[in-house]
C-alpha atoms as a PDB file:
ATOM      1  CA  MET A   1      95.203  89.091  26.255  1.00  0.00           C
ATOM      2  CA  ARG A   2      93.024  90.800  23.310  1.00  0.00           C
ATOM      3  CA  VAL A   3      95.842  93.503  22.448  1.00  0.00           C
ATOM      4  CA  PHE A   4      98.506  90.768  22.418  1.00  0.00           C
ATOM      5  CA  THR A   5      96.138  88.259  20.075  1.00  0.00           C
ATOM      6  CA  VAL A   6      95.596  91.156  17.361  1.00  0.00           C
ATOM      7  CA  LEU A   7      99.339  91.870  17.883  1.00  0.00           C
ATOM      8  CA  LEU A   8      99.928  88.441  17.029  1.00  0.00           C
ATOM      9  CA  LEU A   9      97.664  88.128  13.983  1.00  0.00           C
ATOM     10  CA  VAL A  10      99.014  91.549  12.571  1.00  0.00           C
ATOM     11  CA  LEU A  11     102.780  90.283  12.796  1.00  0.00           C
ATOM     12  CA  LEU A  12     101.868  86.903  11.454  1.00  0.00           C
ATOM     13  CA  VAL A  13     100.312  88.510   8.172  1.00  0.00           C
ATOM     14  CA  LEU A  14     103.136  91.089   7.770  1.00  0.00           C
ATOM     15  CA  VAL A  15     105.575  87.987   7.819  1.00  0.00           C
ATOM     16  CA  VAL A  16     103.117  86.112   5.655  1.00  0.00           C
ATOM     17  CA  ALA A  17     103.003  88.959   3.014  1.00  0.00           C
ATOM     18  CA  GLY A  18     106.301  88.871   2.949  1.00  0.00           C
ATOM     19  CA  PRO A  19     108.632  92.361   1.727  1.00  0.00           C
ATOM     20  CA  ALA A  20     106.349  95.343   0.328  1.00  0.00           C
ATOM     21  CA  VAL A  21     105.791  95.848  -3.332  1.00  0.00           C
ATOM     22  CA  ALA A  22     108.115  98.244  -4.545  1.00  0.00           C
ATOM     23  CA  GLY A  23     106.201 101.453  -5.706  1.00  0.00           C
ATOM     24  CA  PRO A  24     107.081 103.907  -8.704  1.00  0.00           C
ATOM     25  CA  LEU A  25     109.214 106.387  -6.233  1.00  0.00           C
ATOM     26  CA  ASP A  26     111.358 103.482  -4.866  1.00  0.00           C
ATOM     27  CA  MET A  27     113.831 103.031  -7.835  1.00  0.00           C
ATOM     28  CA  PRO A  28     116.816 104.927  -7.432  1.00  0.00           C
ATOM     29  CA  GLY A  29     116.695 108.589  -8.851  1.00  0.00           C
ATOM     30  CA  ALA A  30     112.961 108.706  -8.586  1.00  0.00           C
ATOM     31  CA  SER A  31     112.369 111.015  -6.027  1.00  0.00           C
ATOM     32  CA  GLN A  32     114.626 113.640  -7.514  1.00  0.00           C
ATOM     33  CA  ALA A  33     113.413 113.079 -11.162  1.00  0.00           C
ATOM     34  CA  LEU A  34     110.114 114.454  -9.616  1.00  0.00           C
ATOM     35  CA  VAL A  35     111.097 118.214  -9.964  1.00  0.00           C
ATOM     36  CA  CYS A  36     111.390 117.103 -13.951  1.00  0.00           C
ATOM     37  CA  SER A  37     107.558 115.740 -14.121  1.00  0.00           C
ATOM     38  CA  ALA A  38     106.477 119.544 -13.860  1.00  0.00           C
ATOM     39  CA  CYS A  39     107.289 120.013 -17.549  1.00  0.00           C
ATOM     40  CA  HIS A  40     108.232 116.806 -18.754  1.00  0.00           C
ATOM     41  CA  GLY A  41     105.177 114.323 -17.273  1.00  0.00           C
ATOM     42  CA  PHE A  42     105.274 111.764 -14.389  1.00  0.00           C
ATOM     43  CA  ALA A  43     108.101 109.293 -15.286  1.00  0.00           C
ATOM     44  CA  GLY A  44     108.868 111.454 -18.371  1.00  0.00           C
ATOM     45  CA  GLU A  45     106.163 110.904 -20.563  1.00  0.00           C
ATOM     46  CA  SER A  46     105.504 114.154 -21.370  1.00  0.00           C
ATOM     47  CA  ARG A  47     101.934 114.986 -22.612  1.00  0.00           C
ATOM     48  CA  SER A  48     102.820 118.101 -24.631  1.00  0.00           C
ATOM     49  CA  ASN A  49     103.542 118.875 -27.967  1.00  0.00           C
ATOM     50  CA  THR A  50     106.403 121.021 -27.201  1.00  0.00           C
ATOM     51  CA  MET A  51     108.118 119.449 -24.118  1.00  0.00           C
ATOM     52  CA  PRO A  52     110.515 116.275 -25.107  1.00  0.00           C
ATOM     53  CA  ILE A  53     109.671 112.932 -23.846  1.00  0.00           C
ATOM     54  CA  LEU A  54     112.396 111.706 -20.992  1.00  0.00           C
ATOM     55  CA  ALA A  55     110.807 107.889 -20.551  1.00  0.00           C
ATOM     56  CA  GLY A  56     113.456 105.420 -22.521  1.00  0.00           C
ATOM     57  CA  ILE A  57     116.229 108.153 -23.100  1.00  0.00           C
ATOM     58  CA  ALA A  58     119.484 107.018 -23.088  1.00  0.00           C
ATOM     59  CA  PRO A  59     121.400 107.568 -20.369  1.00  0.00           C
ATOM     60  CA  TRP A  60     124.156 108.746 -21.765  1.00  0.00           C
ATOM     61  CA  TYR A  61     122.342 111.488 -24.055  1.00  0.00           C
ATOM     62  CA  PHE A  62     120.506 112.421 -21.217  1.00  0.00           C
ATOM     63  CA  LYS A  63     124.046 113.327 -19.007  1.00  0.00           C
ATOM     64  CA  LYS A  64     125.112 115.353 -22.247  1.00  0.00           C
ATOM     65  CA  ALA A  65     121.865 117.035 -22.573  1.00  0.00           C
ATOM     66  CA  ILE A  66     121.721 118.386 -18.844  1.00  0.00           C
ATOM     67  CA  GLN A  67     125.759 119.010 -18.540  1.00  0.00           C
ATOM     68  CA  ASP A  68     125.298 121.196 -21.665  1.00  0.00           C
ATOM     69  CA  TYR A  69     122.266 123.070 -20.197  1.00  0.00           C
ATOM     70  CA  ALA A  70     123.673 123.376 -16.985  1.00  0.00           C
ATOM     71  CA  ALA A  71     127.483 124.506 -18.716  1.00  0.00           C
ATOM     72  CA  GLY A  72     124.838 127.447 -20.832  1.00  0.00           C
ATOM     73  CA  LYS A  73     126.509 125.588 -24.382  1.00  0.00           C
ATOM     74  CA  ARG A  74     122.574 124.731 -24.894  1.00  0.00           C
ATOM     75  CA  THR A  75     121.128 127.513 -23.973  1.00  0.00           C
ATOM     76  CA  SER A  76     118.095 127.596 -22.495  1.00  0.00           C
ATOM     77  CA  PRO A  77     117.055 130.170 -19.472  1.00  0.00           C
ATOM     78  CA  GLU A  78     114.346 127.697 -17.941  1.00  0.00           C
ATOM     79  CA  MET A  79     116.721 124.412 -18.075  1.00  0.00           C
ATOM     80  CA  GLU A  80     119.809 125.923 -16.898  1.00  0.00           C
ATOM     81  CA  PRO A  81     119.087 125.765 -13.292  1.00  0.00           C
ATOM     82  CA  TYR A  82     117.323 122.504 -13.286  1.00  0.00           C
ATOM     83  CA  ALA A  83     119.897 121.189 -14.807  1.00  0.00           C
ATOM     84  CA  LYS A  84     122.704 122.703 -12.412  1.00  0.00           C
ATOM     85  CA  MET A  85     119.745 120.728  -9.706  1.00  0.00           C
ATOM     86  CA  VAL A  86     120.260 117.374 -11.219  1.00  0.00           C
ATOM     87  CA  LEU A  87     123.921 117.604 -11.806  1.00  0.00           C
ATOM     88  CA  GLN A  88     123.786 118.096  -7.794  1.00  0.00           C
ATOM     89  CA  SER A  89     120.936 115.670  -7.080  1.00  0.00           C
ATOM     90  CA  GLY A  90     122.716 112.596  -8.734  1.00  0.00           C
ATOM     91  CA  VAL A  91     122.556 112.485 -12.828  1.00  0.00           C
ATOM     92  CA  ASP A  92     123.765 108.986 -12.792  1.00  0.00           C
ATOM     93  CA  ASP A  93     120.613 108.168 -10.711  1.00  0.00           C
ATOM     94  CA  ILE A  94     118.334 110.196 -12.478  1.00  0.00           C
ATOM     95  CA  ALA A  95     119.200 108.834 -15.968  1.00  0.00           C
ATOM     96  CA  ALA A  96     118.838 105.913 -15.098  1.00  0.00           C
ATOM     97  CA  TYR A  97     115.453 105.864 -13.937  1.00  0.00           C
ATOM     98  CA  PHE A  98     114.330 108.164 -16.840  1.00  0.00           C
ATOM     99  CA  ALA A  99     116.469 104.816 -18.957  1.00  0.00           C
ATOM    100  CA  ALA A 100     114.336 102.686 -17.219  1.00  0.00           C
ATOM    101  CA  GLN A 101     110.805 103.957 -18.214  1.00  0.00           C
ATOM    102  CA  ALA A 102     109.166 102.571 -20.915  1.00  0.00           C
ATOM    103  CA  ARG A 103     108.134 105.072 -23.248  1.00  0.00           C
ATOM    104  CA  THR A 104     104.284 105.489 -24.672  1.00  0.00           C
ATOM    105  CA  ALA A 105     103.845 107.207 -28.129  1.00  0.00           C
ATOM    106  CA  SER A 106     103.409 110.733 -28.228  1.00  0.00           C
ATOM    107  CA  PRO A 107      99.445 111.839 -27.657  1.00  0.00           C
ATOM    108  CA  VAL A 108     100.100 114.745 -30.404  1.00  0.00           C
ATOM    109  CA  LYS A 109      97.906 113.691 -33.553  1.00  0.00           C
ATOM    110  CA  LEU A 110      99.874 113.434 -36.599  1.00  0.00           C
ATOM    111  CA  ASP A 111      98.343 114.656 -40.354  1.00  0.00           C
ATOM    112  CA  PRO A 112      98.857 111.533 -42.447  1.00  0.00           C
ATOM    113  CA  ALA A 113     100.011 113.991 -45.051  1.00  0.00           C
ATOM    114  CA  ALA A 114     102.605 115.670 -43.290  1.00  0.00           C
ATOM    115  CA  VAL A 115     103.985 111.847 -42.108  1.00  0.00           C
ATOM    116  CA  GLU A 116     103.982 110.838 -45.782  1.00  0.00           C
ATOM    117  CA  ARG A 117     106.174 113.713 -47.033  1.00  0.00           C
ATOM    118  CA  GLY A 118     108.261 113.506 -43.849  1.00  0.00           C
ATOM    119  CA  ARG A 119     109.204 109.961 -45.238  1.00  0.00           C
ATOM    120  CA  ALA A 120     110.452 110.913 -48.200  1.00  0.00           C
ATOM    121  CA  ALA A 121     112.400 113.929 -46.693  1.00  0.00           C
ATOM    122  CA  ALA A 122     113.647 111.715 -44.170  1.00  0.00           C
ATOM    123  CA  VAL A 123     116.129 109.565 -46.597  1.00  0.00           C
ATOM    124  CA  GLN A 124     119.057 112.887 -45.648  1.00  0.00           C
ATOM    125  CA  CYS A 125     118.455 112.074 -42.327  1.00  0.00           C
ATOM    126  CA  THR A 126     119.224 108.647 -42.033  1.00  0.00           C
ATOM    127  CA  LEU A 127     122.913 109.035 -42.975  1.00  0.00           C
ATOM    128  CA  CYS A 128     123.581 110.132 -39.058  1.00  0.00           C
ATOM    129  CA  HIS A 129     120.550 108.545 -37.388  1.00  0.00           C
ATOM    130  CA  GLY A 130     120.129 105.182 -39.461  1.00  0.00           C
ATOM    131  CA  VAL A 131     117.357 103.959 -40.982  1.00  0.00           C
ATOM    132  CA  SER A 132     115.506 103.471 -37.927  1.00  0.00           C
ATOM    133  CA  GLY A 133     116.359 106.987 -36.629  1.00  0.00           C
ATOM    134  CA  LYS A 134     117.472 105.430 -33.367  1.00  0.00           C
ATOM    135  CA  GLY A 135     120.611 107.058 -33.812  1.00  0.00           C
ATOM    136  CA  ASP A 136     124.057 105.874 -32.846  1.00  0.00           C
ATOM    137  CA  PRO A 137     125.580 106.157 -29.648  1.00  0.00           C
ATOM    138  CA  ALA A 138     129.109 105.248 -30.651  1.00  0.00           C
ATOM    139  CA  LYS A 139     128.769 108.815 -32.480  1.00  0.00           C
ATOM    140  CA  GLY A 140     127.086 110.489 -30.206  1.00  0.00           C
ATOM    141  CA  VAL A 141     123.763 110.492 -32.107  1.00  0.00           C
ATOM    142  CA  PRO A 142     120.415 110.345 -30.318  1.00  0.00           C
ATOM    143  CA  ASP A 143     117.158 108.947 -30.840  1.00  0.00           C
ATOM    144  CA  LEU A 144     115.097 110.974 -32.838  1.00  0.00           C
ATOM    145  CA  THR A 145     112.119 108.590 -32.746  1.00  0.00           C
ATOM    146  CA  GLY A 146     108.563 108.925 -30.730  1.00  0.00           C
ATOM    147  CA  GLN A 147     109.148 112.226 -29.649  1.00  0.00           C
ATOM    148  CA  PRO A 148     106.404 115.226 -30.005  1.00  0.00           C
ATOM    149  CA  PRO A 149     106.399 117.066 -33.385  1.00  0.00           C
ATOM    150  CA  GLY A 150     106.705 120.460 -31.789  1.00  0.00           C
ATOM    151  CA  TYR A 151     109.383 119.123 -30.055  1.00  0.00           C
ATOM    152  CA  LEU A 152     111.064 118.044 -32.695  1.00  0.00           C
ATOM    153  CA  ARG A 153     110.566 121.205 -35.271  1.00  0.00           C
ATOM    154  CA  SER A 154     111.870 123.262 -32.625  1.00  0.00           C
ATOM    155  CA  GLN A 155     114.988 121.392 -32.230  1.00  0.00           C
ATOM    156  CA  MET A 156     115.375 121.740 -35.999  1.00  0.00           C
ATOM    157  CA  LEU A 157     114.955 125.626 -36.427  1.00  0.00           C
ATOM    158  CA  LEU A 158     117.078 126.198 -33.225  1.00  0.00           C
ATOM    159  CA  PHE A 159     120.154 123.845 -35.476  1.00  0.00           C
ATOM    160  CA  LYS A 160     119.047 125.450 -38.743  1.00  0.00           C
ATOM    161  CA  ALA A 161     119.953 128.888 -36.806  1.00  0.00           C
ATOM    162  CA  ASP A 162     122.572 128.074 -35.165  1.00  0.00           C
ATOM    163  CA  ARG A 163     121.051 128.560 -31.569  1.00  0.00           C
ATOM    164  CA  ARG A 164     121.474 124.852 -30.343  1.00  0.00           C
ATOM    165  CA  SER A 165     124.690 124.438 -28.766  1.00  0.00           C
ATOM    166  CA  PRO A 166     126.410 127.128 -30.413  1.00  0.00           C
ATOM    167  CA  GLY A 167     129.936 126.668 -31.382  1.00  0.00           C
ATOM    168  CA  ASP A 168     129.706 122.339 -31.029  1.00  0.00           C
ATOM    169  CA  GLU A 169     132.035 121.066 -33.397  1.00  0.00           C
ATOM    170  CA  GLN A 170     130.127 117.659 -33.623  1.00  0.00           C
ATOM    171  CA  LEU A 171     126.621 119.474 -34.561  1.00  0.00           C
ATOM    172  CA  LYS A 172     128.281 121.414 -37.528  1.00  0.00           C
ATOM    173  CA  ALA A 173     126.819 118.896 -40.083  1.00  0.00           C
ATOM    174  CA  VAL A 174     123.726 118.885 -38.715  1.00  0.00           C
ATOM    175  CA  LYS A 175     123.435 122.452 -38.672  1.00  0.00           C
ATOM    176  CA  ALA A 176     124.556 122.882 -42.372  1.00  0.00           C
ATOM    177  CA  LEU A 177     122.128 119.765 -43.480  1.00  0.00           C
ATOM    178  CA  MET A 178     119.197 121.609 -41.644  1.00  0.00           C
ATOM    179  CA  ARG A 179     120.514 125.147 -43.693  1.00  0.00           C
ATOM    180  CA  THR A 180     119.505 123.669 -46.762  1.00  0.00           C
ATOM    181  CA  ILE A 181     115.627 122.192 -45.696  1.00  0.00           C
ATOM    182  CA  PRO A 182     113.069 124.671 -46.177  1.00  0.00           C
ATOM    183  CA  ASP A 183     111.159 125.607 -42.760  1.00  0.00           C
ATOM    184  CA  GLU A 184     107.662 124.306 -44.413  1.00  0.00           C
ATOM    185  CA  GLN A 185     109.375 120.697 -44.776  1.00  0.00           C
ATOM    186  CA  LEU A 186     110.412 120.635 -41.016  1.00  0.00           C
ATOM    187  CA  ALA A 187     107.300 120.295 -39.913  1.00  0.00           C
ATOM    188  CA  ASP A 188     106.890 117.179 -42.020  1.00  0.00           C
ATOM    189  CA  LEU A 189     110.169 115.981 -41.121  1.00  0.00           C
ATOM    190  CA  ALA A 190     109.165 115.984 -37.475  1.00  0.00           C
ATOM    191  CA  ALA A 191     105.715 114.759 -37.797  1.00  0.00           C
ATOM    192  CA  TYR A 192     107.771 111.462 -39.458  1.00  0.00           C
ATOM    193  CA  TRP A 193     110.324 110.961 -36.639  1.00  0.00           C
ATOM    194  CA  SER A 194     107.226 111.620 -34.276  1.00  0.00           C
ATOM    195  CA  SER A 195     105.460 108.386 -35.840  1.00  0.00           C
ATOM    196  CA  VAL A 196     108.228 106.175 -35.935  1.00  0.00           C
ATOM    197  CA  ARG A 197     108.288 103.634 -32.796  1.00  0.00           C
END
């Protein structure tokens, strides 16, 4: 009788409590995205100066980057095998998962003087990325804002040297622009765009 009473109480508690609250890994794409956590942080919240933040990333841009890495168009010996894995695991679900995550500011400390110098130099970036730096999905232009400055600077250097997506006609204009900017100014631009929320 005692066991029956305990079981009845447990059942009653379960019925009254309702369905279990969904946890952070219950969203579609979450378990597949765990492999990305090693470099990009849990839920895509990179704490690194050199690793991009994936939280809040536009799904179209995430998918393009993954497809380019997987095809070797955007060369990275580290990313290529992971990109192929993401394509096999369900790129749409993983892209939606990262897009749904709230982006927090990069923890990298910024030099206020570099941010101010970058603000003045950033006018040339606004032609494509917009005054806010949020990009233009219709034209395939991504959001620059809030990314770690080290990551932004490294990407600008890769564009400048034509080592990021060589031969991609869509990137011809940005690569030409990067070649006109002195290397020391790239750090200022990176600091500014990292500071923008």
